[in-house]
């Protein structure tokens, strides 16, 4: 039986894709649109983050990413706990609005 407990974690996708040709640019746009449609939120240039509720959700999303990965370039995925993510230190600037928007503060579970 799979683990269905709620254990919030963040899935961070880092990517570096070539954009030399029109075909490369099309693949870049396609992958970026896929991330947004899957619920990933822009964190900074070529870094997107998504909140997942447990290991099963993480595994499912990782399979989806694998199915839609671009043919060239580098795509990396990092899984961290929500607590680790919330302890992120900003050396310059402040937390972007979407960080506050996707945090668990104020989350009500019914």
C-alpha atoms as a PDB file:
ATOM      1  CA  UNK A   1       0.000   0.000   0.000  1.00  0.00           C
ATOM      2  CA  UNK A   2       1.327   3.446  -0.851  1.00  0.00           C
ATOM      3  CA  UNK A   3       1.926   6.091   1.783  1.00  0.00           C
ATOM      4  CA  UNK A   4      -1.066   8.470   1.743  1.00  0.00           C
ATOM      5  CA  UNK A   5      -0.078  10.597   4.746  1.00  0.00           C
ATOM      6  CA  UNK A   6       0.079  14.328   4.215  1.00  0.00           C
ATOM      7  CA  UNK A   7       3.715  15.334   4.398  1.00  0.00           C
ATOM      8  CA  UNK A   8       4.223  18.575   2.529  1.00  0.00           C
ATOM      9  CA  UNK A   9       7.358  18.971   0.497  1.00  0.00           C
ATOM     10  CA  UNK A  10       8.608  21.120  -2.343  1.00  0.00           C
ATOM     11  CA  UNK A  11       9.663  19.925  -5.734  1.00  0.00           C
ATOM     12  CA  UNK A  12      12.132  22.332  -7.315  1.00  0.00           C
ATOM     13  CA  UNK A  13      12.909  22.026 -11.038  1.00  0.00           C
ATOM     14  CA  UNK A  14      16.085  23.604 -12.411  1.00  0.00           C
ATOM     15  CA  UNK A  15      16.586  23.633 -16.154  1.00  0.00           C
ATOM     16  CA  UNK A  16      19.082  24.903 -18.692  1.00  0.00           C
ATOM     17  CA  UNK A  17      17.822  24.396 -22.216  1.00  0.00           C
ATOM     18  CA  UNK A  18      19.431  25.468 -25.491  1.00  0.00           C
ATOM     19  CA  UNK A  19      17.690  28.259 -27.427  1.00  0.00           C
ATOM     20  CA  UNK A  20      19.946  28.453 -30.488  1.00  0.00           C
ATOM     21  CA  UNK A  21      17.437  27.403 -33.147  1.00  0.00           C
ATOM     22  CA  UNK A  22      13.722  28.000 -33.612  1.00  0.00           C
ATOM     23  CA  UNK A  23      13.118  24.330 -32.756  1.00  0.00           C
ATOM     24  CA  UNK A  24      15.072  24.781 -29.494  1.00  0.00           C
ATOM     25  CA  UNK A  25      13.023  27.859 -28.612  1.00  0.00           C
ATOM     26  CA  UNK A  26       9.811  25.957 -29.303  1.00  0.00           C
ATOM     27  CA  UNK A  27      10.926  23.110 -26.985  1.00  0.00           C
ATOM     28  CA  UNK A  28      11.828  25.667 -24.281  1.00  0.00           C
ATOM     29  CA  UNK A  29       8.406  27.340 -24.505  1.00  0.00           C
ATOM     30  CA  UNK A  30       6.645  23.965 -24.533  1.00  0.00           C
ATOM     31  CA  UNK A  31       8.484  22.739 -21.408  1.00  0.00           C
ATOM     32  CA  UNK A  32       7.924  26.030 -19.553  1.00  0.00           C
ATOM     33  CA  UNK A  33       4.189  25.953 -20.392  1.00  0.00           C
ATOM     34  CA  UNK A  34       4.026  22.338 -19.218  1.00  0.00           C
ATOM     35  CA  UNK A  35       5.540  23.306 -15.840  1.00  0.00           C
ATOM     36  CA  UNK A  36       3.049  26.149 -15.378  1.00  0.00           C
ATOM     37  CA  UNK A  37       0.102  23.934 -16.371  1.00  0.00           C
ATOM     38  CA  UNK A  38       1.276  21.306 -13.851  1.00  0.00           C
ATOM     39  CA  UNK A  39       1.105  23.873 -11.039  1.00  0.00           C
ATOM     40  CA  UNK A  40       4.757  24.885 -10.831  1.00  0.00           C
ATOM     41  CA  UNK A  41       5.406  28.486  -9.846  1.00  0.00           C
ATOM     42  CA  UNK A  42       8.228  30.642 -11.193  1.00  0.00           C
ATOM     43  CA  UNK A  43      10.913  31.111  -8.542  1.00  0.00           C
ATOM     44  CA  UNK A  44      13.679  32.704 -10.589  1.00  0.00           C
ATOM     45  CA  UNK A  45      15.216  32.338 -14.051  1.00  0.00           C
ATOM     46  CA  UNK A  46      14.817  28.669 -15.104  1.00  0.00           C
ATOM     47  CA  UNK A  47      13.787  27.587 -11.587  1.00  0.00           C
ATOM     48  CA  UNK A  48      10.218  26.513 -10.834  1.00  0.00           C
ATOM     49  CA  UNK A  49       8.755  25.119  -7.606  1.00  0.00           C
ATOM     50  CA  UNK A  50       5.673  23.116  -6.713  1.00  0.00           C
ATOM     51  CA  UNK A  51       4.122  22.019  -3.435  1.00  0.00           C
ATOM     52  CA  UNK A  52       3.362  18.264  -3.240  1.00  0.00           C
ATOM     53  CA  UNK A  53       1.527  16.566  -0.395  1.00  0.00           C
ATOM     54  CA  UNK A  54       3.352  13.235  -0.074  1.00  0.00           C
ATOM     55  CA  UNK A  55       5.773  10.768  -1.679  1.00  0.00           C
ATOM     56  CA  UNK A  56       3.077   9.378  -3.972  1.00  0.00           C
ATOM     57  CA  UNK A  57       2.316  12.844  -5.364  1.00  0.00           C
ATOM     58  CA  UNK A  58       6.042  13.482  -5.794  1.00  0.00           C
ATOM     59  CA  UNK A  59       6.531  10.195  -7.661  1.00  0.00           C
ATOM     60  CA  UNK A  60       3.539  10.914  -9.905  1.00  0.00           C
ATOM     61  CA  UNK A  61       4.797  14.393 -10.760  1.00  0.00           C
ATOM     62  CA  UNK A  62       8.333  13.105 -11.373  1.00  0.00           C
ATOM     63  CA  UNK A  63       6.903  10.582 -13.869  1.00  0.00           C
ATOM     64  CA  UNK A  64       4.992  13.400 -15.607  1.00  0.00           C
ATOM     65  CA  UNK A  65       8.180  15.469 -15.830  1.00  0.00           C
ATOM     66  CA  UNK A  66      10.057  12.491 -17.260  1.00  0.00           C
ATOM     67  CA  UNK A  67       7.359  12.018 -19.915  1.00  0.00           C
ATOM     68  CA  UNK A  68       7.538  15.711 -20.932  1.00  0.00           C
ATOM     69  CA  UNK A  69      11.267  16.323 -20.634  1.00  0.00           C
ATOM     70  CA  UNK A  70      12.848  18.208 -23.519  1.00  0.00           C
ATOM     71  CA  UNK A  71      15.116  16.246 -25.883  1.00  0.00           C
ATOM     72  CA  UNK A  72      18.182  18.449 -25.207  1.00  0.00           C
ATOM     73  CA  UNK A  73      19.583  20.419 -22.300  1.00  0.00           C
ATOM     74  CA  UNK A  74      19.739  19.818 -18.562  1.00  0.00           C
ATOM     75  CA  UNK A  75      16.746  19.342 -16.242  1.00  0.00           C
ATOM     76  CA  UNK A  76      17.263  18.665 -12.521  1.00  0.00           C
ATOM     77  CA  UNK A  77      14.732  18.033  -9.736  1.00  0.00           C
ATOM     78  CA  UNK A  78      15.308  18.595  -6.024  1.00  0.00           C
ATOM     79  CA  UNK A  79      12.887  17.457  -3.310  1.00  0.00           C
ATOM     80  CA  UNK A  80      12.991  19.263   0.041  1.00  0.00           C
ATOM     81  CA  UNK A  81      10.624  19.423   2.996  1.00  0.00           C
ATOM     82  CA  UNK A  82       8.301  22.366   3.466  1.00  0.00           C
ATOM     83  CA  UNK A  83      10.185  23.216   6.659  1.00  0.00           C
ATOM     84  CA  UNK A  84      13.488  23.387   4.775  1.00  0.00           C
ATOM     85  CA  UNK A  85      11.892  25.534   2.078  1.00  0.00           C
ATOM     86  CA  UNK A  86      10.390  27.929   4.627  1.00  0.00           C
ATOM     87  CA  UNK A  87      13.837  28.369   6.221  1.00  0.00           C
ATOM     88  CA  UNK A  88      15.303  29.746   2.999  1.00  0.00           C
ATOM     89  CA  UNK A  89      17.537  32.755   3.620  1.00  0.00           C
ATOM     90  CA  UNK A  90      17.412  35.699   1.227  1.00  0.00           C
ATOM     91  CA  UNK A  91      20.786  37.410   0.990  1.00  0.00           C
ATOM     92  CA  UNK A  92      19.497  40.250  -1.169  1.00  0.00           C
ATOM     93  CA  UNK A  93      15.949  41.320  -1.848  1.00  0.00           C
ATOM     94  CA  UNK A  94      12.937  39.804  -0.154  1.00  0.00           C
ATOM     95  CA  UNK A  95      10.651  36.843  -0.683  1.00  0.00           C
ATOM     96  CA  UNK A  96       8.760  37.230  -3.941  1.00  0.00           C
ATOM     97  CA  UNK A  97       4.988  37.497  -3.692  1.00  0.00           C
ATOM     98  CA  UNK A  98       4.453  33.994  -5.064  1.00  0.00           C
ATOM     99  CA  UNK A  99       6.569  32.538  -2.206  1.00  0.00           C
ATOM    100  CA  UNK A 100       4.141  33.987   0.301  1.00  0.00           C
ATOM    101  CA  UNK A 101       1.242  32.909  -1.892  1.00  0.00           C
ATOM    102  CA  UNK A 102       2.282  29.237  -1.937  1.00  0.00           C
ATOM    103  CA  UNK A 103       3.316  28.871   1.709  1.00  0.00           C
ATOM    104  CA  UNK A 104       1.384  26.762   4.189  1.00  0.00           C
ATOM    105  CA  UNK A 105       0.744  29.674   6.540  1.00  0.00           C
ATOM    106  CA  UNK A 106      -2.991  30.158   6.652  1.00  0.00           C
ATOM    107  CA  UNK A 107      -3.712  26.799   5.005  1.00  0.00           C
ATOM    108  CA  UNK A 108      -6.896  25.250   6.332  1.00  0.00           C
ATOM    109  CA  UNK A 109      -7.432  21.512   5.896  1.00  0.00           C
ATOM    110  CA  UNK A 110     -11.036  20.342   6.111  1.00  0.00           C
END
